[in-house]
Amino acid sequence: TIVIPIYNEEEVLPQLVRRLDDMSKSL
């Protein structure tokens, strides 16, 4: 479980999810 505490980060979310998804594919 990757826990992401988040506060007012709407601009970063798409990039964050994309990089997390790319990382998870390598596991």
mmCIF file of all heavy atoms, coordinates in Angstrom:
data_MODEL
# 
_entry.id   MODEL 
# 
loop_
_atom_site.group_PDB 
_atom_site.id 
_atom_site.type_symbol 
_atom_site.label_atom_id 
_atom_site.label_alt_id 
_atom_site.label_comp_id 
_atom_site.label_asym_id 
_atom_site.label_entity_id 
_atom_site.label_seq_id 
_atom_site.pdbx_PDB_ins_code 
_atom_site.Cartn_x 
_atom_site.Cartn_y 
_atom_site.Cartn_z 
_atom_site.occupancy 
_atom_site.B_iso_or_equiv 
_atom_site.pdbx_formal_charge 
_atom_site.auth_seq_id 
_atom_site.auth_comp_id 
_atom_site.auth_asym_id 
_atom_site.auth_atom_id 
_atom_site.pdbx_PDB_model_num 
ATOM 1   N N   . THR A 1 1  ? 0.857  -1.188 0.000   1.00 0.00 ? 1  THR A N   1 
ATOM 2   C CA  . THR A 1 1  ? 0.000  0.000  0.000   1.00 0.00 ? 1  THR A CA  1 
ATOM 3   C C   . THR A 1 1  ? 0.888  1.232  0.000   1.00 0.00 ? 1  THR A C   1 
ATOM 4   O O   . THR A 1 1  ? 1.699  1.421  0.913   1.00 0.00 ? 1  THR A O   1 
ATOM 5   C CB  . THR A 1 1  ? -0.915 0.029  1.227   1.00 0.00 ? 1  THR A CB  1 
ATOM 6   O OG1 . THR A 1 1  ? -1.723 -1.150 1.247   1.00 0.00 ? 1  THR A OG1 1 
ATOM 7   C CG2 . THR A 1 1  ? -1.821 1.261  1.186   1.00 0.00 ? 1  THR A CG2 1 
ATOM 8   N N   . ILE A 1 2  ? 0.761  2.029  -1.035  1.00 0.00 ? 2  ILE A N   1 
ATOM 9   C CA  . ILE A 1 2  ? 1.524  3.276  -1.125  1.00 0.00 ? 2  ILE A CA  1 
ATOM 10  C C   . ILE A 1 2  ? 0.636  4.392  -0.596  1.00 0.00 ? 2  ILE A C   1 
ATOM 11  O O   . ILE A 1 2  ? -0.375 4.738  -1.205  1.00 0.00 ? 2  ILE A O   1 
ATOM 12  C CB  . ILE A 1 2  ? 1.971  3.559  -2.571  1.00 0.00 ? 2  ILE A CB  1 
ATOM 13  C CG1 . ILE A 1 2  ? 2.845  2.408  -3.068  1.00 0.00 ? 2  ILE A CG1 1 
ATOM 14  C CG2 . ILE A 1 2  ? 2.732  4.882  -2.648  1.00 0.00 ? 2  ILE A CG2 1 
ATOM 15  C CD1 . ILE A 1 2  ? 3.274  2.541  -4.518  1.00 0.00 ? 2  ILE A CD1 1 
ATOM 16  N N   . VAL A 1 3  ? 0.998  4.929  0.567   1.00 0.00 ? 3  VAL A N   1 
ATOM 17  C CA  . VAL A 1 3  ? 0.222  5.964  1.240   1.00 0.00 ? 3  VAL A CA  1 
ATOM 18  C C   . VAL A 1 3  ? 0.740  7.336  0.816   1.00 0.00 ? 3  VAL A C   1 
ATOM 19  O O   . VAL A 1 3  ? 1.939  7.617  0.946   1.00 0.00 ? 3  VAL A O   1 
ATOM 20  C CB  . VAL A 1 3  ? 0.304  5.806  2.765   1.00 0.00 ? 3  VAL A CB  1 
ATOM 21  C CG1 . VAL A 1 3  ? -0.362 6.986  3.464   1.00 0.00 ? 3  VAL A CG1 1 
ATOM 22  C CG2 . VAL A 1 3  ? -0.349 4.495  3.194   1.00 0.00 ? 3  VAL A CG2 1 
ATOM 23  N N   . ILE A 1 4  ? -0.161 8.176  0.320   1.00 0.00 ? 4  ILE A N   1 
ATOM 24  C CA  . ILE A 1 4  ? 0.206  9.513  -0.138  1.00 0.00 ? 4  ILE A CA  1 
ATOM 25  C C   . ILE A 1 4  ? -0.632 10.549 0.596   1.00 0.00 ? 4  ILE A C   1 
ATOM 26  O O   . ILE A 1 4  ? -1.782 10.799 0.217   1.00 0.00 ? 4  ILE A O   1 
ATOM 27  C CB  . ILE A 1 4  ? 0.014  9.676  -1.663  1.00 0.00 ? 4  ILE A CB  1 
ATOM 28  C CG1 . ILE A 1 4  ? 0.684  8.528  -2.430  1.00 0.00 ? 4  ILE A CG1 1 
ATOM 29  C CG2 . ILE A 1 4  ? 0.558  11.025 -2.135  1.00 0.00 ? 4  ILE A CG2 1 
ATOM 30  C CD1 . ILE A 1 4  ? -0.267 7.549  -3.038  1.00 0.00 ? 4  ILE A CD1 1 
ATOM 31  N N   . PRO A 1 5  ? -0.107 11.144 1.674   1.00 0.00 ? 5  PRO A N   1 
ATOM 32  C CA  . PRO A 1 5  ? -0.815 12.272 2.294   1.00 0.00 ? 5  PRO A CA  1 
ATOM 33  C C   . PRO A 1 5  ? -0.791 13.451 1.320   1.00 0.00 ? 5  PRO A C   1 
ATOM 34  O O   . PRO A 1 5  ? 0.276  13.804 0.792   1.00 0.00 ? 5  PRO A O   1 
ATOM 35  C CB  . PRO A 1 5  ? 0.012  12.573 3.554   1.00 0.00 ? 5  PRO A CB  1 
ATOM 36  C CG  . PRO A 1 5  ? 0.922  11.402 3.728   1.00 0.00 ? 5  PRO A CG  1 
ATOM 37  C CD  . PRO A 1 5  ? 1.137  10.839 2.374   1.00 0.00 ? 5  PRO A CD  1 
ATOM 38  N N   . ILE A 1 6  ? -1.939 14.059 1.093   1.00 0.00 ? 6  ILE A N   1 
ATOM 39  C CA  . ILE A 1 6  ? -1.994 15.061 0.026   1.00 0.00 ? 6  ILE A CA  1 
ATOM 40  C C   . ILE A 1 6  ? -2.873 16.231 0.441   1.00 0.00 ? 6  ILE A C   1 
ATOM 41  O O   . ILE A 1 6  ? -3.912 16.049 1.087   1.00 0.00 ? 6  ILE A O   1 
ATOM 42  C CB  . ILE A 1 6  ? -2.503 14.409 -1.286  1.00 0.00 ? 6  ILE A CB  1 
ATOM 43  C CG1 . ILE A 1 6  ? -2.112 15.232 -2.488  1.00 0.00 ? 6  ILE A CG1 1 
ATOM 44  C CG2 . ILE A 1 6  ? -3.976 14.086 -1.226  1.00 0.00 ? 6  ILE A CG2 1 
ATOM 45  C CD1 . ILE A 1 6  ? -2.134 14.441 -3.779  1.00 0.00 ? 6  ILE A CD1 1 
ATOM 46  N N   . TYR A 1 7  ? -2.426 17.428 0.071   1.00 0.00 ? 7  TYR A N   1 
ATOM 47  C CA  . TYR A 1 7  ? -3.150 18.649 0.425   1.00 0.00 ? 7  TYR A CA  1 
ATOM 48  C C   . TYR A 1 7  ? -2.961 19.672 -0.691  1.00 0.00 ? 7  TYR A C   1 
ATOM 49  O O   . TYR A 1 7  ? -1.848 20.127 -0.958  1.00 0.00 ? 7  TYR A O   1 
ATOM 50  C CB  . TYR A 1 7  ? -2.637 19.211 1.754   1.00 0.00 ? 7  TYR A CB  1 
ATOM 51  C CG  . TYR A 1 7  ? -3.260 20.540 2.149   1.00 0.00 ? 7  TYR A CG  1 
ATOM 52  C CD1 . TYR A 1 7  ? -4.615 20.625 2.463   1.00 0.00 ? 7  TYR A CD1 1 
ATOM 53  C CD2 . TYR A 1 7  ? -2.489 21.692 2.203   1.00 0.00 ? 7  TYR A CD2 1 
ATOM 54  C CE1 . TYR A 1 7  ? -5.184 21.844 2.822   1.00 0.00 ? 7  TYR A CE1 1 
ATOM 55  C CE2 . TYR A 1 7  ? -3.052 22.909 2.564   1.00 0.00 ? 7  TYR A CE2 1 
ATOM 56  C CZ  . TYR A 1 7  ? -4.398 22.981 2.875   1.00 0.00 ? 7  TYR A CZ  1 
ATOM 57  O OH  . TYR A 1 7  ? -4.956 24.183 3.223   1.00 0.00 ? 7  TYR A OH  1 
ATOM 58  N N   . ASN A 1 8  ? -4.050 19.972 -1.400  1.00 0.00 ? 8  ASN A N   1 
ATOM 59  C CA  . ASN A 1 8  ? -4.034 20.974 -2.479  1.00 0.00 ? 8  ASN A CA  1 
ATOM 60  C C   . ASN A 1 8  ? -2.951 20.678 -3.520  1.00 0.00 ? 8  ASN A C   1 
ATOM 61  O O   . ASN A 1 8  ? -2.080 21.499 -3.797  1.00 0.00 ? 8  ASN A O   1 
ATOM 62  C CB  . ASN A 1 8  ? -3.827 22.377 -1.907  1.00 0.00 ? 8  ASN A CB  1 
ATOM 63  C CG  . ASN A 1 8  ? -5.035 22.878 -1.129  1.00 0.00 ? 8  ASN A CG  1 
ATOM 64  O OD1 . ASN A 1 8  ? -6.114 22.284 -1.189  1.00 0.00 ? 8  ASN A OD1 1 
ATOM 65  N ND2 . ASN A 1 8  ? -4.871 23.959 -0.397  1.00 0.00 ? 8  ASN A ND2 1 
ATOM 66  N N   . GLU A 1 9  ? -3.006 19.480 -4.097  1.00 0.00 ? 9  GLU A N   1 
ATOM 67  C CA  . GLU A 1 9  ? -2.008 19.079 -5.089  1.00 0.00 ? 9  GLU A CA  1 
ATOM 68  C C   . GLU A 1 9  ? -2.667 18.681 -6.407  1.00 0.00 ? 9  GLU A C   1 
ATOM 69  O O   . GLU A 1 9  ? -2.213 17.752 -7.079  1.00 0.00 ? 9  GLU A O   1 
ATOM 70  C CB  . GLU A 1 9  ? -1.167 17.912 -4.559  1.00 0.00 ? 9  GLU A CB  1 
ATOM 71  C CG  . GLU A 1 9  ? -0.347 18.214 -3.330  1.00 0.00 ? 9  GLU A CG  1 
ATOM 72  C CD  . GLU A 1 9  ? 0.847  19.121 -3.610  1.00 0.00 ? 9  GLU A CD  1 
ATOM 73  O OE1 . GLU A 1 9  ? 1.002  19.553 -4.763  1.00 0.00 ? 9  GLU A OE1 1 
ATOM 74  O OE2 . GLU A 1 9  ? 1.607  19.400 -2.662  1.00 0.00 ? 9  GLU A OE2 1 
ATOM 75  N N   . GLU A 1 10 ? -3.729 19.365 -6.811  1.00 0.00 ? 10 GLU A N   1 
ATOM 76  C CA  . GLU A 1 10 ? -4.433 18.991 -8.029  1.00 0.00 ? 10 GLU A CA  1 
ATOM 77  C C   . GLU A 1 10 ? -3.541 19.087 -9.268  1.00 0.00 ? 10 GLU A C   1 
ATOM 78  O O   . GLU A 1 10 ? -3.705 18.319 -10.222 1.00 0.00 ? 10 GLU A O   1 
ATOM 79  C CB  . GLU A 1 10 ? -5.672 19.868 -8.223  1.00 0.00 ? 10 GLU A CB  1 
ATOM 80  C CG  . GLU A 1 10 ? -5.385 21.352 -8.360  1.00 0.00 ? 10 GLU A CG  1 
ATOM 81  C CD  . GLU A 1 10 ? -6.646 22.157 -8.661  1.00 0.00 ? 10 GLU A CD  1 
ATOM 82  O OE1 . GLU A 1 10 ? -7.568 21.567 -9.246  1.00 0.00 ? 10 GLU A OE1 1 
ATOM 83  O OE2 . GLU A 1 10 ? -6.692 23.348 -8.316  1.00 0.00 ? 10 GLU A OE2 1 
ATOM 84  N N   . GLU A 1 11 ? -2.572 20.007 -9.270  1.00 0.00 ? 11 GLU A N   1 
ATOM 85  C CA  . GLU A 1 11 ? -1.701 20.171 -10.431 1.00 0.00 ? 11 GLU A CA  1 
ATOM 86  C C   . GLU A 1 11 ? -0.699 19.029 -10.563 1.00 0.00 ? 11 GLU A C   1 
ATOM 87  O O   . GLU A 1 11 ? -0.267 18.710 -11.666 1.00 0.00 ? 11 GLU A O   1 
ATOM 88  C CB  . GLU A 1 11 ? -0.953 21.503 -10.329 1.00 0.00 ? 11 GLU A CB  1 
ATOM 89  C CG  . GLU A 1 11 ? -1.858 22.733 -10.307 1.00 0.00 ? 11 GLU A CG  1 
ATOM 90  C CD  . GLU A 1 11 ? -1.056 24.011 -10.161 1.00 0.00 ? 11 GLU A CD  1 
ATOM 91  O OE1 . GLU A 1 11 ? -0.032 24.153 -10.861 1.00 0.00 ? 11 GLU A OE1 1 
ATOM 92  O OE2 . GLU A 1 11 ? -1.436 24.868 -9.352  1.00 0.00 ? 11 GLU A OE2 1 
ATOM 93  N N   . VAL A 1 12 ? -0.318 18.423 -9.445  1.00 0.00 ? 12 VAL A N   1 
ATOM 94  C CA  . VAL A 1 12 ? 0.713  17.382 -9.465  1.00 0.00 ? 12 VAL A CA  1 
ATOM 95  C C   . VAL A 1 12 ? 0.128  15.992 -9.689  1.00 0.00 ? 12 VAL A C   1 
ATOM 96  O O   . VAL A 1 12 ? 0.810  15.095 -10.188 1.00 0.00 ? 12 VAL A O   1 
ATOM 97  C CB  . VAL A 1 12 ? 1.508  17.404 -8.138  1.00 0.00 ? 12 VAL A CB  1 
ATOM 98  C CG1 . VAL A 1 12 ? 2.669  16.430 -8.179  1.00 0.00 ? 12 VAL A CG1 1 
ATOM 99  C CG2 . VAL A 1 12 ? 2.013  18.808 -7.839  1.00 0.00 ? 12 VAL A CG2 1 
ATOM 100 N N   . LEU A 1 13 ? -1.141 15.802 -9.354  1.00 0.00 ? 13 LEU A N   1 
ATOM 101 C CA  . LEU A 1 13 ? -1.745 14.466 -9.342  1.00 0.00 ? 13 LEU A CA  1 
ATOM 102 C C   . LEU A 1 13 ? -1.532 13.652 -10.623 1.00 0.00 ? 13 LEU A C   1 
ATOM 103 O O   . LEU A 1 13 ? -1.134 12.484 -10.547 1.00 0.00 ? 13 LEU A O   1 
ATOM 104 C CB  . LEU A 1 13 ? -3.238 14.575 -9.024  1.00 0.00 ? 13 LEU A CB  1 
ATOM 105 C CG  . LEU A 1 13 ? -3.634 14.419 -7.561  1.00 0.00 ? 13 LEU A CG  1 
ATOM 106 C CD1 . LEU A 1 13 ? -5.115 14.663 -7.378  1.00 0.00 ? 13 LEU A CD1 1 
ATOM 107 C CD2 . LEU A 1 13 ? -3.263 13.039 -7.043  1.00 0.00 ? 13 LEU A CD2 1 
ATOM 108 N N   . PRO A 1 14 ? -1.798 14.208 -11.810 1.00 0.00 ? 14 PRO A N   1 
ATOM 109 C CA  . PRO A 1 14 ? -1.624 13.388 -13.022 1.00 0.00 ? 14 PRO A CA  1 
ATOM 110 C C   . PRO A 1 14 ? -0.204 12.858 -13.184 1.00 0.00 ? 14 PRO A C   1 
ATOM 111 O O   . PRO A 1 14 ? -0.011 11.673 -13.506 1.00 0.00 ? 14 PRO A O   1 
ATOM 112 C CB  . PRO A 1 14 ? -2.003 14.358 -14.144 1.00 0.00 ? 14 PRO A CB  1 
ATOM 113 C CG  . PRO A 1 14 ? -2.904 15.360 -13.497 1.00 0.00 ? 14 PRO A CG  1 
ATOM 114 C CD  . PRO A 1 14 ? -2.363 15.536 -12.114 1.00 0.00 ? 14 PRO A CD  1 
ATOM 115 N N   . GLN A 1 15 ? 0.793  13.707 -12.936 1.00 0.00 ? 15 GLN A N   1 
ATOM 116 C CA  . GLN A 1 15 ? 2.180  13.253 -13.052 1.00 0.00 ? 15 GLN A CA  1 
ATOM 117 C C   . GLN A 1 15 ? 2.508  12.224 -11.986 1.00 0.00 ? 15 GLN A C   1 
ATOM 118 O O   . GLN A 1 15 ? 3.197  11.223 -12.265 1.00 0.00 ? 15 GLN A O   1 
ATOM 119 C CB  . GLN A 1 15 ? 3.128  14.445 -12.901 1.00 0.00 ? 15 GLN A CB  1 
ATOM 120 C CG  . GLN A 1 15 ? 2.920  15.567 -13.913 1.00 0.00 ? 15 GLN A CG  1 
ATOM 121 C CD  . GLN A 1 15 ? 3.861  16.726 -13.643 1.00 0.00 ? 15 GLN A CD  1 
ATOM 122 O OE1 . GLN A 1 15 ? 5.078  16.545 -13.612 1.00 0.00 ? 15 GLN A OE1 1 
ATOM 123 N NE2 . GLN A 1 15 ? 3.310  17.917 -13.418 1.00 0.00 ? 15 GLN A NE2 1 
ATOM 124 N N   . LEU A 1 16 ? 2.016  12.455 -10.772 1.00 0.00 ? 16 LEU A N   1 
ATOM 125 C CA  . LEU A 1 16 ? 2.289  11.537 -9.673  1.00 0.00 ? 16 LEU A CA  1 
ATOM 126 C C   . LEU A 1 16 ? 1.735  10.152 -9.958  1.00 0.00 ? 16 LEU A C   1 
ATOM 127 O O   . LEU A 1 16 ? 2.433  9.134  -9.815  1.00 0.00 ? 16 LEU A O   1 
ATOM 128 C CB  . LEU A 1 16 ? 1.697  12.093 -8.376  1.00 0.00 ? 16 LEU A CB  1 
ATOM 129 C CG  . LEU A 1 16 ? 1.765  11.194 -7.143  1.00 0.00 ? 16 LEU A CG  1 
ATOM 130 C CD1 . LEU A 1 16 ? 3.204  10.923 -6.757  1.00 0.00 ? 16 LEU A CD1 1 
ATOM 131 C CD2 . LEU A 1 16 ? 1.002  11.818 -5.978  1.00 0.00 ? 16 LEU A CD2 1 
ATOM 132 N N   . VAL A 1 17 ? 0.486  10.081 -10.379 1.00 0.00 ? 17 VAL A N   1 
ATOM 133 C CA  . VAL A 1 17 ? -0.145 8.786  -10.652 1.00 0.00 ? 17 VAL A CA  1 
ATOM 134 C C   . VAL A 1 17 ? 0.552  8.089  -11.821 1.00 0.00 ? 17 VAL A C   1 
ATOM 135 O O   . VAL A 1 17 ? 0.755  6.865  -11.791 1.00 0.00 ? 17 VAL A O   1 
ATOM 136 C CB  . VAL A 1 17 ? -1.645 8.972  -10.936 1.00 0.00 ? 17 VAL A CB  1 
ATOM 137 C CG1 . VAL A 1 17 ? -2.276 7.673  -11.390 1.00 0.00 ? 17 VAL A CG1 1 
ATOM 138 C CG2 . VAL A 1 17 ? -2.357 9.489  -9.679  1.00 0.00 ? 17 VAL A CG2 1 
ATOM 139 N N   . ARG A 1 18 ? 0.939  8.846  -12.827 1.00 0.00 ? 18 ARG A N   1 
ATOM 140 C CA  . ARG A 1 18 ? 1.615  8.246  -13.977 1.00 0.00 ? 18 ARG A CA  1 
ATOM 141 C C   . ARG A 1 18 ? 2.946  7.617  -13.567 1.00 0.00 ? 18 ARG A C   1 
ATOM 142 O O   . ARG A 1 18 ? 3.258  6.475  -13.966 1.00 0.00 ? 18 ARG A O   1 
ATOM 143 C CB  . ARG A 1 18 ? 1.842  9.300  -15.055 1.00 0.00 ? 18 ARG A CB  1 
ATOM 144 C CG  . ARG A 1 18 ? 2.490  8.736  -16.329 1.00 0.00 ? 18 ARG A CG  1 
ATOM 145 C CD  . ARG A 1 18 ? 2.513  9.744  -17.451 1.00 0.00 ? 18 ARG A CD  1 
ATOM 146 N NE  . ARG A 1 18 ? 3.324  10.914 -17.108 1.00 0.00 ? 18 ARG A NE  1 
ATOM 147 C CZ  . ARG A 1 18 ? 2.823  12.115 -16.856 1.00 0.00 ? 18 ARG A CZ  1 
ATOM 148 N NH1 . ARG A 1 18 ? 1.507  12.301 -16.873 1.00 0.00 ? 18 ARG A NH1 1 
ATOM 149 N NH2 . ARG A 1 18 ? 3.607  13.134 -16.573 1.00 0.00 ? 18 ARG A NH2 1 
ATOM 150 N N   . ARG A 1 19 ? 3.718  8.314  -12.754 1.00 0.00 ? 19 ARG A N   1 
ATOM 151 C CA  . ARG A 1 19 ? 5.013  7.777  -12.343 1.00 0.00 ? 19 ARG A CA  1 
ATOM 152 C C   . ARG A 1 19 ? 4.850  6.596  -11.384 1.00 0.00 ? 19 ARG A C   1 
ATOM 153 O O   . ARG A 1 19 ? 5.621  5.628  -11.432 1.00 0.00 ? 19 ARG A O   1 
ATOM 154 C CB  . ARG A 1 19 ? 5.864  8.878  -11.713 1.00 0.00 ? 19 ARG A CB  1 
ATOM 155 C CG  . ARG A 1 19 ? 6.382  9.873  -12.751 1.00 0.00 ? 19 ARG A CG  1 
ATOM 156 C CD  . ARG A 1 19 ? 7.243  10.952 -12.135 1.00 0.00 ? 19 ARG A CD  1 
ATOM 157 N NE  . ARG A 1 19 ? 8.439  10.433 -11.489 1.00 0.00 ? 19 ARG A NE  1 
ATOM 158 C CZ  . ARG A 1 19 ? 9.361  11.209 -10.923 1.00 0.00 ? 19 ARG A CZ  1 
ATOM 159 N NH1 . ARG A 1 19 ? 9.198  12.531 -10.924 1.00 0.00 ? 19 ARG A NH1 1 
ATOM 160 N NH2 . ARG A 1 19 ? 10.432 10.680 -10.369 1.00 0.00 ? 19 ARG A NH2 1 
ATOM 161 N N   . LEU A 1 20 ? 3.847  6.653  -10.525 1.00 0.00 ? 20 LEU A N   1 
ATOM 162 C CA  . LEU A 1 20 ? 3.582  5.513  -9.641  1.00 0.00 ? 20 LEU A CA  1 
ATOM 163 C C   . LEU A 1 20 ? 3.152  4.291  -10.443 1.00 0.00 ? 20 LEU A C   1 
ATOM 164 O O   . LEU A 1 20 ? 3.546  3.155  -10.145 1.00 0.00 ? 20 LEU A O   1 
ATOM 165 C CB  . LEU A 1 20 ? 2.510  5.880  -8.620  1.00 0.00 ? 20 LEU A CB  1 
ATOM 166 C CG  . LEU A 1 20 ? 2.917  6.828  -7.491  1.00 0.00 ? 20 LEU A CG  1 
ATOM 167 C CD1 . LEU A 1 20 ? 1.699  7.230  -6.671  1.00 0.00 ? 20 LEU A CD1 1 
ATOM 168 C CD2 . LEU A 1 20 ? 3.964  6.185  -6.583  1.00 0.00 ? 20 LEU A CD2 1 
ATOM 169 N N   . ASP A 1 21 ? 2.347  4.507  -11.472 1.00 0.00 ? 21 ASP A N   1 
ATOM 170 C CA  . ASP A 1 21 ? 1.887  3.410  -12.319 1.00 0.00 ? 21 ASP A CA  1 
ATOM 171 C C   . ASP A 1 21 ? 3.051  2.790  -13.078 1.00 0.00 ? 21 ASP A C   1 
ATOM 172 O O   . ASP A 1 21 ? 3.178  1.565  -13.153 1.00 0.00 ? 21 ASP A O   1 
ATOM 173 C CB  . ASP A 1 21 ? 0.823  3.925  -13.287 1.00 0.00 ? 21 ASP A CB  1 
ATOM 174 C CG  . ASP A 1 21 ? 0.303  2.832  -14.191 1.00 0.00 ? 21 ASP A CG  1 
ATOM 175 O OD1 . ASP A 1 21 ? -0.166 1.790  -13.676 1.00 0.00 ? 21 ASP A OD1 1 
ATOM 176 O OD2 . ASP A 1 21 ? 0.363  2.991  -15.431 1.00 0.00 ? 21 ASP A OD2 1 
ATOM 177 N N   . ASP A 1 22 ? 3.932  3.655  -13.616 1.00 0.00 ? 22 ASP A N   1 
ATOM 178 C CA  . ASP A 1 22 ? 5.104  3.144  -14.332 1.00 0.00 ? 22 ASP A CA  1 
ATOM 179 C C   . ASP A 1 22 ? 6.002  2.343  -13.394 1.00 0.00 ? 22 ASP A C   1 
ATOM 180 O O   . ASP A 1 22 ? 6.549  1.298  -13.776 1.00 0.00 ? 22 ASP A O   1 
ATOM 181 C CB  . ASP A 1 22 ? 5.897  4.303  -14.940 1.00 0.00 ? 22 ASP A CB  1 
ATOM 182 C CG  . ASP A 1 22 ? 5.146  4.991  -16.073 1.00 0.00 ? 22 ASP A CG  1 
ATOM 183 O OD1 . ASP A 1 22 ? 4.215  4.366  -16.623 1.00 0.00 ? 22 ASP A OD1 1 
ATOM 184 O OD2 . ASP A 1 22 ? 5.494  6.143  -16.396 1.00 0.00 ? 22 ASP A OD2 1 
ATOM 185 N N   . MET A 1 23 ? 6.162  2.823  -12.176 1.00 0.00 ? 23 MET A N   1 
ATOM 186 C CA  . MET A 1 23 ? 6.980  2.109  -11.208 1.00 0.00 ? 23 MET A CA  1 
ATOM 187 C C   . MET A 1 23 ? 6.378  0.754  -10.870 1.00 0.00 ? 23 MET A C   1 
ATOM 188 O O   . MET A 1 23 ? 7.079  -0.267 -10.818 1.00 0.00 ? 23 MET A O   1 
ATOM 189 C CB  . MET A 1 23 ? 7.123  2.967  -9.939  1.00 0.00 ? 23 MET A CB  1 
ATOM 190 C CG  . MET A 1 23 ? 7.920  2.348  -8.806  1.00 0.00 ? 23 MET A CG  1 
ATOM 191 S SD  . MET A 1 23 ? 6.977  1.197  -7.762  1.00 0.00 ? 23 MET A SD  1 
ATOM 192 C CE  . MET A 1 23 ? 5.646  2.256  -7.208  1.00 0.00 ? 23 MET A CE  1 
ATOM 193 N N   . SER A 1 24 ? 5.068  0.720  -10.667 1.00 0.00 ? 24 SER A N   1 
ATOM 194 C CA  . SER A 1 24 ? 4.414  -0.523 -10.256 1.00 0.00 ? 24 SER A CA  1 
ATOM 195 C C   . SER A 1 24 ? 4.507  -1.606 -11.326 1.00 0.00 ? 24 SER A C   1 
ATOM 196 O O   . SER A 1 24 ? 4.498  -2.793 -11.007 1.00 0.00 ? 24 SER A O   1 
ATOM 197 C CB  . SER A 1 24 ? 2.942  -0.254 -9.915  1.00 0.00 ? 24 SER A CB  1 
ATOM 198 O OG  . SER A 1 24 ? 2.215  0.142  -11.073 1.00 0.00 ? 24 SER A OG  1 
ATOM 199 N N   . LYS A 1 25 ? 4.601  -1.210 -12.589 1.00 0.00 ? 25 LYS A N   1 
ATOM 200 C CA  . LYS A 1 25 ? 4.712  -2.192 -13.674 1.00 0.00 ? 25 LYS A CA  1 
ATOM 201 C C   . LYS A 1 25 ? 6.025  -2.951 -13.627 1.00 0.00 ? 25 LYS A C   1 
ATOM 202 O O   . LYS A 1 25 ? 6.141  -4.035 -14.207 1.00 0.00 ? 25 LYS A O   1 
ATOM 203 C CB  . LYS A 1 25 ? 4.558  -1.487 -15.021 1.00 0.00 ? 25 LYS A CB  1 
ATOM 204 C CG  . LYS A 1 25 ? 3.155  -0.932 -15.264 1.00 0.00 ? 25 LYS A CG  1 
ATOM 205 C CD  . LYS A 1 25 ? 3.081  -0.180 -16.572 1.00 0.00 ? 25 LYS A CD  1 
ATOM 206 C CE  . LYS A 1 25 ? 1.671  0.390  -16.789 1.00 0.00 ? 25 LYS A CE  1 
ATOM 207 N NZ  . LYS A 1 25 ? 1.588  1.205  -18.036 1.00 0.00 ? 25 LYS A NZ  1 
ATOM 208 N N   . SER A 1 26 ? 7.024  -2.363 -12.942 1.00 0.00 ? 26 SER A N   1 
ATOM 209 C CA  . SER A 1 26 ? 8.327  -3.022 -12.838 1.00 0.00 ? 26 SER A CA  1 
ATOM 210 C C   . SER A 1 26 ? 8.402  -3.998 -11.676 1.00 0.00 ? 26 SER A C   1 
ATOM 211 O O   . SER A 1 26 ? 9.398  -4.700 -11.522 1.00 0.00 ? 26 SER A O   1 
ATOM 212 C CB  . SER A 1 26 ? 9.443  -1.968 -12.684 1.00 0.00 ? 26 SER A CB  1 
ATOM 213 O OG  . SER A 1 26 ? 9.457  -1.081 -13.785 1.00 0.00 ? 26 SER A OG  1 
ATOM 214 N N   . LEU A 1 27 ? 7.361  -4.015 -10.837 1.00 0.00 ? 27 LEU A N   1 
ATOM 215 C CA  . LEU A 1 27 ? 7.332  -4.932 -9.704  1.00 0.00 ? 27 LEU A CA  1 
ATOM 216 C C   . LEU A 1 27 ? 6.719  -6.258 -10.129 1.00 0.00 ? 27 LEU A C   1 
ATOM 217 O O   . LEU A 1 27 ? 5.614  -6.299 -10.671 1.00 0.00 ? 27 LEU A O   1 
ATOM 218 C CB  . LEU A 1 27 ? 6.518  -4.336 -8.552  1.00 0.00 ? 27 LEU A CB  1 
ATOM 219 C CG  . LEU A 1 27 ? 7.123  -3.125 -7.842  1.00 0.00 ? 27 LEU A CG  1 
ATOM 220 C CD1 . LEU A 1 27 ? 6.136  -2.552 -6.841  1.00 0.00 ? 27 LEU A CD1 1 
ATOM 221 C CD2 . LEU A 1 27 ? 8.423  -3.500 -7.135  1.00 0.00 ? 27 LEU A CD2 1 
# 
